[in-house]
Amino acid sequence: MPKPTRHEMLTLALGVLPHPPTEVEVLSEDGGAFPLRIIEQEGDLLHAFAPRQQVRRELHLLARVTDERRGRYEVEFEIDETYFHSGAEALVHAAVSGVRHRKMRRSAPRVPVTERTNARVLFCRTLPRHHTIDVRLSDVSTTGIGFTSVTELAAGDLLVVTVTLSGKPVDVETRVVRVDPAPYGRFRIGGEITELSEIDRRLIAEMAMRTPEAGSEAERGSGSAAGASLTR
């Protein structure tokens, strides 16, 4: 399948973004979040204002938006060019580099896991892209994952967590949906899986079927995290 053109990606984004002028909060691959004030469309680009010290050429930004009719989406931007506007703001020309539907997933049986591993940042309010953090896994299902860490994350942060499944390391793209304090200065983190191959999804489902005593995410009541309940 050919890669969508800039124009096609922009058309998809305009279908879920509020009509310009509008403002959306974005996560930066350099770490942090800020408002992106979109003022107009010109050709295949969006023109917007952003904090001058937080933008640069080729910077990737991620916005999470909700459309009443079409549901929840993630829109990724890449800054094409920046121009001085004022001491505080820059005018940016941004292309849309990705649009993804954030599907609501049903709860699924979980597999208890006790493993130290690492998570790599894609987008985060406090850390730059590719920064790695140490985590201890607690469980995984076909739709969610749970772990603890001394690093405090925020809902909406996007990570790639390495999980060992049947002796094979698997990279699981995960969006943080819940963060709770835990003993000894740690945090319990629940995430929903946003990217996982069908083969690995089936493998997790088969592992869950062999551990029925673990129960399902829905049975865990107050431990749930936006539909992805996880062991703490």
Protein backbone atom coordinates (compact mmCIF):
# COMPACT_ATOMS: atom_id res chain seq x y z
CA MET A 1 0.00 0.00 0.00
CA PRO A 2 1.51 3.38 -1.00
CA LYS A 3 2.32 5.85 1.75
CA PRO A 4 -0.35 8.57 2.09
CA THR A 5 0.62 11.94 0.66
CA ARG A 6 0.83 15.10 2.75
CA HIS A 7 -2.43 16.27 1.24
CA GLU A 8 -4.18 13.01 2.14
CA MET A 9 -2.89 13.14 5.72
CA LEU A 10 -3.96 16.76 6.07
CA THR A 11 -7.43 15.92 4.77
CA LEU A 12 -7.76 13.17 7.36
CA ALA A 13 -6.58 15.49 10.15
CA LEU A 14 -8.97 18.27 9.16
CA GLY A 15 -11.78 15.76 9.50
CA VAL A 16 -11.13 15.35 13.23
CA LEU A 17 -9.42 18.59 14.30
CA PRO A 18 -11.58 21.57 15.30
CA HIS A 19 -11.91 24.00 12.40
CA PRO A 20 -9.18 26.72 12.40
CA PRO A 21 -8.62 28.99 14.15
CA THR A 22 -8.29 26.57 17.03
CA GLU A 23 -5.89 25.52 19.77
CA VAL A 24 -4.77 21.98 20.62
CA GLU A 25 -2.37 20.75 23.26
CA VAL A 26 0.58 18.83 21.81
CA LEU A 27 3.26 16.59 23.26
CA SER A 28 6.75 17.22 21.91
CA GLU A 29 9.32 14.59 21.02
CA ASP A 30 11.82 16.86 22.83
CA GLY A 31 9.76 16.46 26.01
CA GLY A 32 7.03 18.65 27.44
CA ALA A 33 3.66 19.86 26.24
CA PHE A 34 2.40 23.21 24.97
CA PRO A 35 -0.56 24.74 23.12
CA LEU A 36 -0.38 24.83 19.33
CA ARG A 37 -2.58 27.66 18.05
CA ILE A 38 -3.61 26.70 14.50
CA ILE A 39 -4.71 29.73 12.49
CA GLU A 40 -5.10 28.56 8.90
CA GLN A 41 -4.38 26.03 6.17
CA GLU A 42 -2.25 26.87 3.15
CA GLY A 43 -1.68 24.14 0.59
CA ASP A 44 -0.52 20.99 2.36
CA LEU A 45 0.54 22.82 5.52
CA LEU A 46 -1.06 24.24 8.64
CA HIS A 47 0.08 27.62 9.94
CA ALA A 48 0.20 27.93 13.71
CA PHE A 49 1.73 29.84 16.61
CA ALA A 50 3.79 28.03 19.27
CA PRO A 51 6.23 28.91 22.08
CA ARG A 52 9.41 30.02 20.29
CA GLN A 53 11.83 28.21 22.61
CA GLN A 54 10.03 24.89 22.23
CA VAL A 55 9.89 24.46 18.46
CA ARG A 56 12.39 23.72 15.69
CA ARG A 57 12.46 22.36 12.18
CA GLU A 58 11.63 18.64 11.83
CA LEU A 59 10.21 18.50 15.36
CA HIS A 60 7.45 15.91 15.81
CA LEU A 61 4.38 16.80 17.87
CA LEU A 62 1.44 14.67 18.96
CA ALA A 63 -2.11 15.94 19.62
CA ARG A 64 -4.91 13.89 21.15
CA VAL A 65 -8.32 15.01 19.93
CA THR A 66 -11.89 13.82 20.30
CA ASP A 67 -14.53 14.25 17.64
CA GLU A 68 -18.12 13.82 18.83
CA ARG A 69 -19.11 11.84 15.74
CA ARG A 70 -15.91 9.97 14.87
CA GLY A 71 -14.37 9.30 18.29
CA ARG A 72 -10.83 9.67 19.66
CA TYR A 73 -7.82 10.32 17.44
CA GLU A 74 -4.11 11.07 17.61
CA VAL A 75 -2.71 13.53 15.08
CA GLU A 76 1.05 13.77 14.58
CA PHE A 77 2.64 16.91 13.12
CA GLU A 78 6.11 17.58 11.76
CA ILE A 79 7.30 21.17 11.74
CA ASP A 80 8.36 22.14 8.24
CA GLU A 81 9.65 25.62 9.05
CA THR A 82 9.69 28.16 11.88
CA TYR A 83 9.60 31.98 11.65
CA PHE A 84 10.16 34.64 14.26
CA HIS A 85 6.87 36.21 15.37
CA SER A 86 7.59 37.72 18.78
CA GLY A 87 9.83 37.27 21.78
CA ALA A 88 7.54 34.53 23.06
CA GLU A 89 6.05 32.98 19.93
CA ALA A 90 7.10 31.54 16.59
CA LEU A 91 4.99 31.12 13.48
CA VAL A 92 5.31 27.52 12.35
CA HIS A 93 4.38 25.73 9.15
CA ALA A 94 3.47 22.16 10.07
CA ALA A 95 2.68 19.10 7.98
CA VAL A 96 0.47 16.27 9.23
CA SER A 97 2.59 13.12 9.38
CA GLY A 98 0.09 10.73 10.95
CA VAL A 99 -3.54 10.26 11.96
CA ARG A 100 -4.56 7.30 14.11
CA HIS A 101 -7.93 6.27 15.49
CA ARG A 102 -7.76 5.52 19.21
CA LYS A 103 -10.14 2.58 19.48
CA MET A 104 -12.00 1.76 22.65
CA ARG A 105 -10.96 -1.77 23.58
CA ARG A 106 -12.89 -4.28 25.64
CA SER A 107 -11.26 -5.61 28.79
CA ALA A 108 -9.32 -8.83 28.32
CA PRO A 109 -7.81 -11.60 30.45
CA ARG A 110 -4.43 -10.68 31.84
CA VAL A 111 -1.17 -12.59 32.24
CA PRO A 112 0.83 -11.96 35.45
CA VAL A 113 4.41 -10.97 34.63
CA THR A 114 7.34 -10.24 36.93
CA GLU A 115 10.15 -8.84 34.86
CA ARG A 116 12.55 -5.92 34.96
CA THR A 117 12.80 -4.25 31.59
CA ASN A 118 12.97 -0.83 29.99
CA ALA A 119 10.56 1.52 28.29
CA ARG A 120 11.56 3.90 25.51
CA VAL A 121 9.88 7.29 25.21
CA LEU A 122 8.07 8.28 22.02
CA PHE A 123 6.17 11.30 23.39
CA CYS A 124 6.25 12.46 27.01
CA ARG A 125 5.45 15.58 29.02
CA THR A 126 8.73 15.43 30.92
CA LEU A 127 11.23 13.37 28.90
CA PRO A 128 12.64 13.57 25.35
CA ARG A 129 12.11 10.96 22.64
CA HIS A 130 14.30 7.82 22.89
CA HIS A 131 14.97 8.38 26.62
CA THR A 132 14.75 5.02 28.39
CA ILE A 133 13.41 4.33 31.87
CA ASP A 134 13.67 1.23 34.05
CA VAL A 135 10.35 -0.46 34.82
CA ARG A 136 9.11 -3.61 36.54
CA LEU A 137 6.27 -5.32 34.69
CA SER A 138 3.30 -6.63 36.66
CA ASP A 139 0.94 -7.94 33.96
CA VAL A 140 -0.01 -7.79 30.31
CA SER A 141 -3.13 -8.53 28.27
CA THR A 142 -4.08 -8.20 24.62
CA THR A 143 -5.24 -4.63 25.33
CA GLY A 144 -3.24 -3.33 28.30
CA ILE A 145 -0.06 -3.49 30.34
CA GLY A 146 0.88 -2.69 33.93
CA PHE A 147 4.22 -1.78 35.44
CA THR A 148 5.89 0.23 38.21
CA SER A 149 8.69 2.76 37.93
CA VAL A 150 10.46 5.44 39.95
CA THR A 151 9.86 7.79 37.01
CA GLU A 152 6.56 9.65 37.19
CA LEU A 153 4.72 9.67 33.89
CA ALA A 154 1.47 11.37 32.84
CA ALA A 155 -1.69 10.21 31.14
CA GLY A 156 -1.20 10.45 27.38
CA ASP A 157 2.54 9.73 27.40
CA LEU A 158 3.47 7.25 24.67
CA LEU A 159 6.13 4.58 25.27
CA VAL A 160 7.52 1.39 23.81
CA VAL A 161 7.83 -1.27 26.52
CA THR A 162 9.88 -4.42 25.93
CA VAL A 163 8.05 -7.55 27.12
CA THR A 164 9.33 -11.13 26.97
CA LEU A 165 6.69 -13.46 25.50
CA SER A 166 7.57 -17.17 25.36
CA GLY A 167 11.24 -16.27 25.57
CA LYS A 168 11.08 -13.67 22.80
CA PRO A 169 11.48 -9.91 23.44
CA VAL A 170 8.54 -7.99 21.98
CA ASP A 171 8.22 -4.20 21.70
CA VAL A 172 4.76 -3.08 22.85
CA GLU A 173 3.67 0.47 22.06
CA THR A 174 1.71 1.74 25.05
CA ARG A 175 -0.23 4.88 25.95
CA VAL A 176 -0.30 5.74 29.67
CA VAL A 177 -3.87 5.98 30.96
CA ARG A 178 -3.40 5.88 34.73
CA VAL A 179 -0.67 6.75 37.23
CA ASP A 180 -0.96 6.04 40.98
CA PRO A 181 1.54 6.49 43.82
CA ALA A 182 3.16 3.31 45.13
CA PRO A 183 5.42 2.55 48.14
CA TYR A 184 9.09 3.54 48.23
CA GLY A 185 8.73 6.50 45.88
CA ARG A 186 7.52 4.44 42.94
CA PHE A 187 4.48 4.80 40.68
CA ARG A 188 1.97 2.21 39.47
CA ILE A 189 1.31 2.80 35.80
CA GLY A 190 -1.46 1.36 33.65
CA GLY A 191 -1.35 1.64 29.89
CA GLU A 192 -3.42 0.68 26.88
CA ILE A 193 -1.63 -1.09 24.05
CA THR A 194 -1.72 0.98 20.87
CA GLU A 195 0.52 -1.10 18.59
CA LEU A 196 1.01 -4.88 18.69
CA SER A 197 1.30 -7.45 15.93
CA GLU A 198 -1.56 -9.88 15.51
CA ILE A 199 0.83 -12.80 16.13
CA ASP A 200 1.92 -11.37 19.48
CA ARG A 201 -1.67 -10.50 20.40
CA ARG A 202 -2.70 -14.12 19.81
CA LEU A 203 0.28 -15.32 21.85
CA ILE A 204 -0.80 -13.21 24.84
CA ALA A 205 -4.37 -14.49 24.50
CA GLU A 206 -3.13 -18.10 24.52
CA MET A 207 -0.97 -17.41 27.59
CA ALA A 208 -3.98 -15.86 29.36
CA MET A 209 -6.10 -18.93 28.61
CA ARG A 210 -3.49 -21.07 30.37
CA THR A 211 -3.68 -18.90 33.51
CA PRO A 212 -7.43 -18.66 34.24
CA GLU A 213 -6.80 -17.93 37.91
CA ALA A 214 -5.53 -14.49 36.88
CA GLY A 215 -9.06 -13.42 36.01
CA SER A 216 -10.00 -10.69 33.58
CA GLU A 217 -9.38 -6.97 33.64
CA ALA A 218 -13.09 -6.27 34.14
CA GLU A 219 -13.09 -8.39 37.31
CA ARG A 220 -10.51 -6.23 38.96
CA GLY A 221 -12.85 -3.37 39.83
CA SER A 222 -11.05 -0.35 41.21
CA GLY A 223 -7.75 -1.49 39.72
CA SER A 224 -8.88 -0.69 36.18
CA ALA A 225 -7.21 2.00 34.11
CA ALA A 226 -9.52 3.37 31.44
CA GLY A 227 -10.69 -0.08 30.48
CA ALA A 228 -7.26 -1.63 30.79
CA SER A 229 -7.05 -2.95 34.36
CA LEU A 230 -3.58 -3.92 35.44
CA THR A 231 -1.83 -5.55 38.36
CA ARG A 232 -0.01 -3.07 40.56
